[in-house]
PDB file of N, CA and C in Angstrom:
ATOM      1  N   MET A   1     109.892  63.154  90.717  1.00  0.00           N
ATOM      2  CA  MET A   1     109.003  63.865  89.838  1.00  0.00           C
ATOM      3  C   MET A   1     108.166  65.018  90.545  1.00  0.00           C
ATOM      4  N   ARG A   2     107.650  64.559  91.785  1.00  0.00           N
ATOM      5  CA  ARG A   2     106.934  65.524  92.540  1.00  0.00           C
ATOM      6  C   ARG A   2     107.691  66.725  92.926  1.00  0.00           C
ATOM      7  N   ALA A   3     108.968  66.501  93.258  1.00  0.00           N
ATOM      8  CA  ALA A   3     109.795  67.708  93.670  1.00  0.00           C
ATOM      9  C   ALA A   3     109.964  68.682  92.543  1.00  0.00           C
ATOM     10  N   VAL A   4     110.152  68.166  91.330  1.00  0.00           N
ATOM     11  CA  VAL A   4     110.346  68.936  90.208  1.00  0.00           C
ATOM     12  C   VAL A   4     109.125  69.738  89.875  1.00  0.00           C
ATOM     13  N   LYS A   5     107.930  69.130  90.023  1.00  0.00           N
ATOM     14  CA  LYS A   5     106.657  69.821  89.835  1.00  0.00           C
ATOM     15  C   LYS A   5     106.545  70.959  90.877  1.00  0.00           C
ATOM     16  N   LYS A   6     106.906  70.661  92.070  1.00  0.00           N
ATOM     17  CA  LYS A   6     106.731  71.756  93.171  1.00  0.00           C
ATOM     18  C   LYS A   6     107.631  72.842  92.940  1.00  0.00           C
ATOM     19  N   VAL A   7     108.883  72.561  92.505  1.00  0.00           N
ATOM     20  CA  VAL A   7     109.877  73.614  92.280  1.00  0.00           C
ATOM     21  C   VAL A   7     109.420  74.469  90.976  1.00  0.00           C
ATOM     22  N   THR A   8     108.931  73.732  90.011  1.00  0.00           N
ATOM     23  CA  THR A   8     108.439  74.475  88.892  1.00  0.00           C
ATOM     24  C   THR A   8     107.239  75.352  89.166  1.00  0.00           C
ATOM     25  N   SER A   9     106.246  74.850  89.902  1.00  0.00           N
ATOM     26  CA  SER A   9     105.122  75.630  90.222  1.00  0.00           C
ATOM     27  C   SER A   9     105.481  76.805  91.138  1.00  0.00           C
ATOM     28  N   ALA A  10     106.402  76.573  92.082  1.00  0.00           N
ATOM     29  CA  ALA A  10     106.891  77.672  92.945  1.00  0.00           C
ATOM     30  C   ALA A  10     107.556  78.788  92.086  1.00  0.00           C
ATOM     31  N   ALA A  11     108.413  78.337  91.119  1.00  0.00           N
ATOM     32  CA  ALA A  11     109.110  79.293  90.331  1.00  0.00           C
ATOM     33  C   ALA A  11     108.103  80.110  89.414  1.00  0.00           C
ATOM     34  N   LEU A  12     107.045  79.392  88.955  1.00  0.00           N
ATOM     35  CA  LEU A  12     106.061  80.188  88.176  1.00  0.00           C
ATOM     36  C   LEU A  12     105.266  81.134  89.027  1.00  0.00           C
ATOM     37  N   ALA A  13     104.992  80.745  90.271  1.00  0.00           N
ATOM     38  CA  ALA A  13     104.266  81.623  91.168  1.00  0.00           C
ATOM     39  C   ALA A  13     105.108  82.880  91.484  1.00  0.00           C
ATOM     40  N   LEU A  14     106.415  82.710  91.696  1.00  0.00           N
ATOM     41  CA  LEU A  14     107.247  83.830  91.992  1.00  0.00           C
ATOM     42  C   LEU A  14     107.418  84.687  90.785  1.00  0.00           C
ATOM     43  N   THR A  15     107.551  84.119  89.601  1.00  0.00           N
ATOM     44  CA  THR A  15     107.712  84.907  88.423  1.00  0.00           C
ATOM     45  C   THR A  15     106.425  85.792  88.191  1.00  0.00           C
ATOM     46  N   ALA A  16     105.243  85.145  88.355  1.00  0.00           N
ATOM     47  CA  ALA A  16     103.997  85.835  88.149  1.00  0.00           C
ATOM     48  C   ALA A  16     103.849  86.952  89.185  1.00  0.00           C
ATOM     49  N   ALA A  17     104.149  86.677  90.441  1.00  0.00           N
ATOM     50  CA  ALA A  17     104.082  87.728  91.431  1.00  0.00           C
ATOM     51  C   ALA A  17     105.072  88.844  91.149  1.00  0.00           C
ATOM     52  N   ALA A  18     106.305  88.602  90.644  1.00  0.00           N
ATOM     53  CA  ALA A  18     107.148  89.616  90.350  1.00  0.00           C
ATOM     54  C   ALA A  18     106.685  90.432  89.172  1.00  0.00           C
ATOM     55  N   GLY A  19     106.148  89.759  88.200  1.00  0.00           N
ATOM     56  CA  GLY A  19     105.680  90.541  87.047  1.00  0.00           C
ATOM     57  C   GLY A  19     104.431  91.437  87.383  1.00  0.00           C
ATOM     58  N   ALA A  20     103.597  90.937  88.309  1.00  0.00           N
ATOM     59  CA  ALA A  20     102.470  91.691  88.749  1.00  0.00           C
ATOM     60  C   ALA A  20     102.934  92.913  89.555  1.00  0.00           C
ATOM     61  N   ALA A  21     103.940  92.748  90.404  1.00  0.00           N
ATOM     62  CA  ALA A  21     104.460  93.754  91.194  1.00  0.00           C
ATOM     63  C   ALA A  21     105.135  94.821  90.351  1.00  0.00           C
ATOM     64  N   ALA A  22     105.801  94.432  89.356  1.00  0.00           N
ATOM     65  CA  ALA A  22     106.460  95.363  88.380  1.00  0.00           C
ATOM     66  C   ALA A  22     105.568  96.135  87.615  1.00  0.00           C
ATOM     67  N   ALA A  23     104.372  95.595  87.309  1.00  0.00           N
ATOM     68  CA  ALA A  23     103.407  96.211  86.470  1.00  0.00           C
ATOM     69  C   ALA A  23     102.691  97.440  87.190  1.00  0.00           C
ATOM     70  N   SER A  24     102.511  97.274  88.464  1.00  0.00           N
ATOM     71  CA  SER A  24     101.830  98.440  89.168  1.00  0.00           C
ATOM     72  C   SER A  24     102.951  99.457  89.681  1.00  0.00           C
ATOM     73  N   PRO A  25     102.705 100.668  89.567  1.00  0.00           N
ATOM     74  CA  PRO A  25     103.696 101.689  90.018  1.00  0.00           C
ATOM     75  C   PRO A  25     103.654 101.781  91.572  1.00  0.00           C
ATOM     76  N   THR A  26     104.763 102.130  92.189  1.00  0.00           N
ATOM     77  CA  THR A  26     104.866 102.422  93.533  1.00  0.00           C
ATOM     78  C   THR A  26     104.336 103.783  93.901  1.00  0.00           C
ATOM     79  N   GLN A  27     103.534 103.909  94.917  1.00  0.00           N
ATOM     80  CA  GLN A  27     102.971 105.227  95.320  1.00  0.00           C
ATOM     81  C   GLN A  27     103.437 105.483  96.747  1.00  0.00           C
ATOM     82  N   THR A  28     103.274 106.676  97.209  1.00  0.00           N
ATOM     83  CA  THR A  28     103.707 107.005  98.555  1.00  0.00           C
ATOM     84  C   THR A  28     102.705 107.925  99.224  1.00  0.00           C
ATOM     85  N   ILE A  29     102.407 107.679 100.509  1.00  0.00           N
ATOM     86  CA  ILE A  29     101.560 108.531 101.315  1.00  0.00           C
ATOM     87  C   ILE A  29     102.251 108.695 102.660  1.00  0.00           C
ATOM     88  N   THR A  30     102.107 109.998 103.194  1.00  0.00           N
ATOM     89  CA  THR A  30     102.641 110.347 104.508  1.00  0.00           C
ATOM     90  C   THR A  30     101.442 110.792 105.347  1.00  0.00           C
ATOM     91  N   GLY A  31     101.386 110.296 106.577  1.00  0.00           N
ATOM     92  CA  GLY A  31     100.356 110.655 107.547  1.00  0.00           C
ATOM     93  C   GLY A  31     100.487 109.893 108.802  1.00  0.00           C
ATOM     94  N   ARG A  32      99.555 110.159 109.698  1.00  0.00           N
ATOM     95  CA  ARG A  32      99.536 109.519 111.041  1.00  0.00           C
ATOM     96  C   ARG A  32      98.754 108.240 110.976  1.00  0.00           C
ATOM     97  N   ILE A  33      99.185 107.243 111.678  1.00  0.00           N
ATOM     98  CA  ILE A  33      98.504 106.019 111.788  1.00  0.00           C
ATOM     99  C   ILE A  33      97.241 106.166 112.627  1.00  0.00           C
ATOM    100  N   ASP A  34      96.166 106.051 111.933  1.00  0.00           N
ATOM    101  CA  ASP A  34      94.798 106.170 112.757  1.00  0.00           C
ATOM    102  C   ASP A  34      94.448 104.887 113.550  1.00  0.00           C
ATOM    103  N   HIS A  35      94.770 103.767 112.937  1.00  0.00           N
ATOM    104  CA  HIS A  35      94.501 102.481 113.617  1.00  0.00           C
ATOM    105  C   HIS A  35      95.472 101.449 113.160  1.00  0.00           C
ATOM    106  N   LEU A  36      96.012 100.598 114.014  1.00  0.00           N
ATOM    107  CA  LEU A  36      96.979  99.603 113.763  1.00  0.00           C
ATOM    108  C   LEU A  36      96.379  98.208 114.141  1.00  0.00           C
ATOM    109  N   ASN A  37      96.438  97.296 113.294  1.00  0.00           N
ATOM    110  CA  ASN A  37      95.920  95.959 113.430  1.00  0.00           C
ATOM    111  C   ASN A  37      97.068  94.905 113.270  1.00  0.00           C
ATOM    112  N   PRO A  38      97.892  94.689 114.314  1.00  0.00           N
ATOM    113  CA  PRO A  38      99.025  93.817 114.127  1.00  0.00           C
ATOM    114  C   PRO A  38      98.643  92.358 113.762  1.00  0.00           C
ATOM    115  N   ARG A  39      97.552  91.847 114.273  1.00  0.00           N
ATOM    116  CA  ARG A  39      97.143  90.517 113.938  1.00  0.00           C
ATOM    117  C   ARG A  39      96.625  90.424 112.516  1.00  0.00           C
ATOM    118  N   GLY A  40      95.959  91.460 112.049  1.00  0.00           N
ATOM    119  CA  GLY A  40      95.453  91.470 110.612  1.00  0.00           C
ATOM    120  C   GLY A  40      96.475  92.094 109.712  1.00  0.00           C
ATOM    121  N   HIS A  41      97.675  92.396 110.225  1.00  0.00           N
ATOM    122  CA  HIS A  41      98.767  92.889 109.306  1.00  0.00           C
ATOM    123  C   HIS A  41      98.389  94.089 108.436  1.00  0.00           C
ATOM    124  N   SER A  42      97.672  95.024 109.139  1.00  0.00           N
ATOM    125  CA  SER A  42      97.178  96.218 108.402  1.00  0.00           C
ATOM    126  C   SER A  42      97.191  97.445 109.316  1.00  0.00           C
ATOM    127  N   LEU A  43      97.191  98.497 108.638  1.00  0.00           N
ATOM    128  CA  LEU A  43      97.101  99.845 109.253  1.00  0.00           C
ATOM    129  C   LEU A  43      96.242 100.798 108.524  1.00  0.00           C
ATOM    130  N   ILE A  44      95.657 101.783 109.170  1.00  0.00           N
ATOM    131  CA  ILE A  44      94.775 102.692 108.538  1.00  0.00           C
ATOM    132  C   ILE A  44      95.345 104.112 108.560  1.00  0.00           C
ATOM    133  N   ILE A  45      95.449 104.793 107.415  1.00  0.00           N
ATOM    134  CA  ILE A  45      95.923 106.190 107.431  1.00  0.00           C
ATOM    135  C   ILE A  45      94.901 106.886 106.554  1.00  0.00           C
ATOM    136  N   ARG A  46      94.323 107.954 107.045  1.00  0.00           N
ATOM    137  CA  ARG A  46      93.255 108.756 106.329  1.00  0.00           C
ATOM    138  C   ARG A  46      92.215 107.879 105.704  1.00  0.00           C
ATOM    139  N   ASN A  47      91.665 107.001 106.506  1.00  0.00           N
ATOM    140  CA  ASN A  47      90.571 106.050 106.154  1.00  0.00           C
ATOM    141  C   ASN A  47      90.872 105.131 105.023  1.00  0.00           C
ATOM    142  N   GLU A  48      92.173 104.937 104.789  1.00  0.00           N
ATOM    143  CA  GLU A  48      92.564 103.981 103.770  1.00  0.00           C
ATOM    144  C   GLU A  48      93.390 102.829 104.452  1.00  0.00           C
ATOM    145  N   VAL A  49      93.105 101.551 104.082  1.00  0.00           N
ATOM    146  CA  VAL A  49      93.795 100.420 104.666  1.00  0.00           C
ATOM    147  C   VAL A  49      94.979 100.069 103.856  1.00  0.00           C
ATOM    148  N   TYR A  50      96.021  99.804 104.538  1.00  0.00           N
ATOM    149  CA  TYR A  50      97.329  99.380 103.930  1.00  0.00           C
ATOM    150  C   TYR A  50      97.798  98.060 104.607  1.00  0.00           C
ATOM    151  N   ARG A  51      98.002  97.013 103.834  1.00  0.00           N
ATOM    152  CA  ARG A  51      98.500  95.785 104.371  1.00  0.00           C
ATOM    153  C   ARG A  51      99.974  95.922 104.390  1.00  0.00           C
ATOM    154  N   TYR A  52     100.596  95.042 105.310  1.00  0.00           N
ATOM    155  CA  TYR A  52     102.043  94.968 105.309  1.00  0.00           C
ATOM    156  C   TYR A  52     102.499  93.514 105.735  1.00  0.00           C
ATOM    157  N   ASP A  53     103.723  93.212 105.464  1.00  0.00           N
ATOM    158  CA  ASP A  53     104.285  91.979 105.973  1.00  0.00           C
ATOM    159  C   ASP A  53     104.983  92.143 107.284  1.00  0.00           C
ATOM    160  N   PRO A  54     104.479  91.520 108.345  1.00  0.00           N
ATOM    161  CA  PRO A  54     105.127  91.770 109.683  1.00  0.00           C
ATOM    162  C   PRO A  54     106.462  91.291 109.828  1.00  0.00           C
ATOM    163  N   ARG A  55     106.923  90.397 108.986  1.00  0.00           N
ATOM    164  CA  ARG A  55     108.344  89.903 109.052  1.00  0.00           C
ATOM    165  C   ARG A  55     109.323  90.942 108.544  1.00  0.00           C
ATOM    166  N   LEU A  56     108.848  91.795 107.606  1.00  0.00           N
ATOM    167  CA  LEU A  56     109.681  92.746 107.009  1.00  0.00           C
ATOM    168  C   LEU A  56     109.634  94.200 107.689  1.00  0.00           C
ATOM    169  N   MET A  57     108.363  94.512 108.198  1.00  0.00           N
ATOM    170  CA  MET A  57     108.200  95.777 108.813  1.00  0.00           C
ATOM    171  C   MET A  57     107.158  95.600 109.830  1.00  0.00           C
ATOM    172  N   GLY A  58     106.820  96.769 110.497  1.00  0.00           N
ATOM    173  CA  GLY A  58     105.691  96.740 111.495  1.00  0.00           C
ATOM    174  C   GLY A  58     106.181  96.661 112.906  1.00  0.00           C
ATOM    175  N   VAL A  59     107.507  96.360 113.134  1.00  0.00           N
ATOM    176  CA  VAL A  59     107.921  96.347 114.492  1.00  0.00           C
ATOM    177  C   VAL A  59     108.110  97.766 114.976  1.00  0.00           C
ATOM    178  N   GLY A  60     107.550  98.065 116.127  1.00  0.00           N
ATOM    179  CA  GLY A  60     107.647  99.395 116.698  1.00  0.00           C
ATOM    180  C   GLY A  60     106.607 100.421 116.223  1.00  0.00           C
ATOM    181  N   LEU A  61     105.684 100.002 115.349  1.00  0.00           N
ATOM    182  CA  LEU A  61     104.684 100.929 114.895  1.00  0.00           C
ATOM    183  C   LEU A  61     103.648 101.120 115.989  1.00  0.00           C
ATOM    184  N   ARG A  62     103.162 102.338 116.078  1.00  0.00           N
ATOM    185  CA  ARG A  62     102.166 102.694 117.127  1.00  0.00           C
ATOM    186  C   ARG A  62     101.106 103.616 116.482  1.00  0.00           C
ATOM    187  N   ALA A  63      99.942 103.557 116.958  1.00  0.00           N
ATOM    188  CA  ALA A  63      98.947 104.363 116.477  1.00  0.00           C
ATOM    189  C   ALA A  63      99.178 105.905 116.869  1.00  0.00           C
ATOM    190  N   GLY A  64      98.964 106.759 115.986  1.00  0.00           N
ATOM    191  CA  GLY A  64      99.310 108.230 116.271  1.00  0.00           C
ATOM    192  C   GLY A  64     100.674 108.542 115.732  1.00  0.00           C
ATOM    193  N   GLU A  65     101.506 107.544 115.357  1.00  0.00           N
ATOM    194  CA  GLU A  65     102.854 107.851 114.852  1.00  0.00           C
ATOM    195  C   GLU A  65     102.783 108.343 113.391  1.00  0.00           C
ATOM    196  N   LYS A  66     103.599 109.244 113.028  1.00  0.00           N
ATOM    197  CA  LYS A  66     103.646 109.805 111.644  1.00  0.00           C
ATOM    198  C   LYS A  66     104.551 108.984 110.826  1.00  0.00           C
ATOM    199  N   VAL A  67     104.028 108.367 109.747  1.00  0.00           N
ATOM    200  CA  VAL A  67     104.933 107.465 108.865  1.00  0.00           C
ATOM    201  C   VAL A  67     104.754 107.835 107.437  1.00  0.00           C
ATOM    202  N   ARG A  68     105.671 107.324 106.672  1.00  0.00           N
ATOM    203  CA  ARG A  68     105.660 107.395 105.149  1.00  0.00           C
ATOM    204  C   ARG A  68     105.514 105.968 104.641  1.00  0.00           C
ATOM    205  N   VAL A  69     104.494 105.661 103.937  1.00  0.00           N
ATOM    206  CA  VAL A  69     104.232 104.318 103.410  1.00  0.00           C
ATOM    207  C   VAL A  69     104.412 104.336 101.955  1.00  0.00           C
ATOM    208  N   HIS A  70     105.264 103.371 101.451  1.00  0.00           N
ATOM    209  CA  HIS A  70     105.410 103.166  99.977  1.00  0.00           C
ATOM    210  C   HIS A  70     104.648 101.878  99.708  1.00  0.00           C
ATOM    211  N   TYR A  71     103.695 101.990  98.811  1.00  0.00           N
ATOM    212  CA  TYR A  71     102.787 100.904  98.502  1.00  0.00           C
ATOM    213  C   TYR A  71     102.471 100.655  97.109  1.00  0.00           C
ATOM    214  N   ARG A  72     101.900  99.550  96.712  1.00  0.00           N
ATOM    215  CA  ARG A  72     101.453  99.252  95.417  1.00  0.00           C
ATOM    216  C   ARG A  72     100.034  98.713  95.486  1.00  0.00           C
ATOM    217  N   GLU A  73      99.272  98.933  94.464  1.00  0.00           N
ATOM    218  CA  GLU A  73      97.929  98.286  94.296  1.00  0.00           C
ATOM    219  C   GLU A  73      98.070  96.941  93.855  1.00  0.00           C
ATOM    220  N   GLN A  74      97.550  95.966  94.601  1.00  0.00           N
ATOM    221  CA  GLN A  74      97.603  94.551  94.194  1.00  0.00           C
ATOM    222  C   GLN A  74      96.246  93.892  94.442  1.00  0.00           C
ATOM    223  N   HIS A  75      95.643  93.464  93.427  1.00  0.00           N
ATOM    224  CA  HIS A  75      94.322  92.838  93.538  1.00  0.00           C
ATOM    225  C   HIS A  75      93.303  93.636  94.346  1.00  0.00           C
ATOM    226  N   GLY A  76      93.339  94.939  94.144  1.00  0.00           N
ATOM    227  CA  GLY A  76      92.313  95.784  94.844  1.00  0.00           C
ATOM    228  C   GLY A  76      92.713  96.173  96.224  1.00  0.00           C
ATOM    229  N   HIS A  77      93.957  95.751  96.665  1.00  0.00           N
ATOM    230  CA  HIS A  77      94.378  96.094  98.053  1.00  0.00           C
ATOM    231  C   HIS A  77      95.678  96.907  97.928  1.00  0.00           C
ATOM    232  N   ARG A  78      95.897  97.793  98.915  1.00  0.00           N
ATOM    233  CA  ARG A  78      97.185  98.523  99.003  1.00  0.00           C
ATOM    234  C   ARG A  78      98.104  97.790  99.883  1.00  0.00           C
ATOM    235  N   VAL A  79      99.284  97.312  99.271  1.00  0.00           N
ATOM    236  CA  VAL A  79     100.208  96.454  99.958  1.00  0.00           C
ATOM    237  C   VAL A  79     101.463  97.277 100.160  1.00  0.00           C
ATOM    238  N   ALA A  80     101.927  97.529 101.348  1.00  0.00           N
ATOM    239  CA  ALA A  80     103.056  98.357 101.694  1.00  0.00           C
ATOM    240  C   ALA A  80     104.358  97.538 101.377  1.00  0.00           C
ATOM    241  N   SER A  81     105.240  98.263 100.671  1.00  0.00           N
ATOM    242  CA  SER A  81     106.543  97.678 100.424  1.00  0.00           C
ATOM    243  C   SER A  81     107.568  98.256 101.407  1.00  0.00           C
ATOM    244  N   ARG A  82     107.380  99.438 101.944  1.00  0.00           N
ATOM    245  CA  ARG A  82     108.161 100.002 102.983  1.00  0.00           C
ATOM    246  C   ARG A  82     107.438 100.950 103.856  1.00  0.00           C
ATOM    247  N   ILE A  83     107.556 100.953 105.160  1.00  0.00           N
ATOM    248  CA  ILE A  83     107.005 101.904 106.073  1.00  0.00           C
ATOM    249  C   ILE A  83     108.174 102.511 106.885  1.00  0.00           C
ATOM    250  N   THR A  84     108.291 103.879 106.801  1.00  0.00           N
ATOM    251  CA  THR A  84     109.389 104.508 107.567  1.00  0.00           C
ATOM    252  C   THR A  84     108.789 105.606 108.445  1.00  0.00           C
ATOM    253  N   PRO A  85     109.332 105.787 109.597  1.00  0.00           N
ATOM    254  CA  PRO A  85     108.853 106.935 110.475  1.00  0.00           C
ATOM    255  C   PRO A  85     109.309 108.233 109.849  1.00  0.00           C
ATOM    256  N   VAL A  86     108.518 109.320 110.178  1.00  0.00           N
ATOM    257  CA  VAL A  86     108.757 110.663 109.688  1.00  0.00           C
ATOM    258  C   VAL A  86     109.078 111.545 110.941  1.00  0.00           C
ATOM    259  N   ALA A  87     110.030 112.297 110.962  1.00  0.00           N
ATOM    260  CA  ALA A  87     110.332 113.108 112.152  1.00  0.00           C
ATOM    261  C   ALA A  87     109.483 114.297 112.232  1.00  0.00           C
TER     262      ALA A  87
END
């Protein structure tokens, strides 16, 4: 019974997260990384903080590098869905 409750609650959490992510539109910003905080999983571009998932991205990022960040507003924070270098 516990396993069923855990699976059900996990499925509800994923469904709610997917619904919240779909509700907010994706935005894009291009600029140089002013500050990079790998431990805090965040970077700063033009005095704005963007959070990211280090398992999906963030490898090879350096301060001063020009990047394009695709992000969404979630609970008052900018959460990056994709970070790509710009030539």
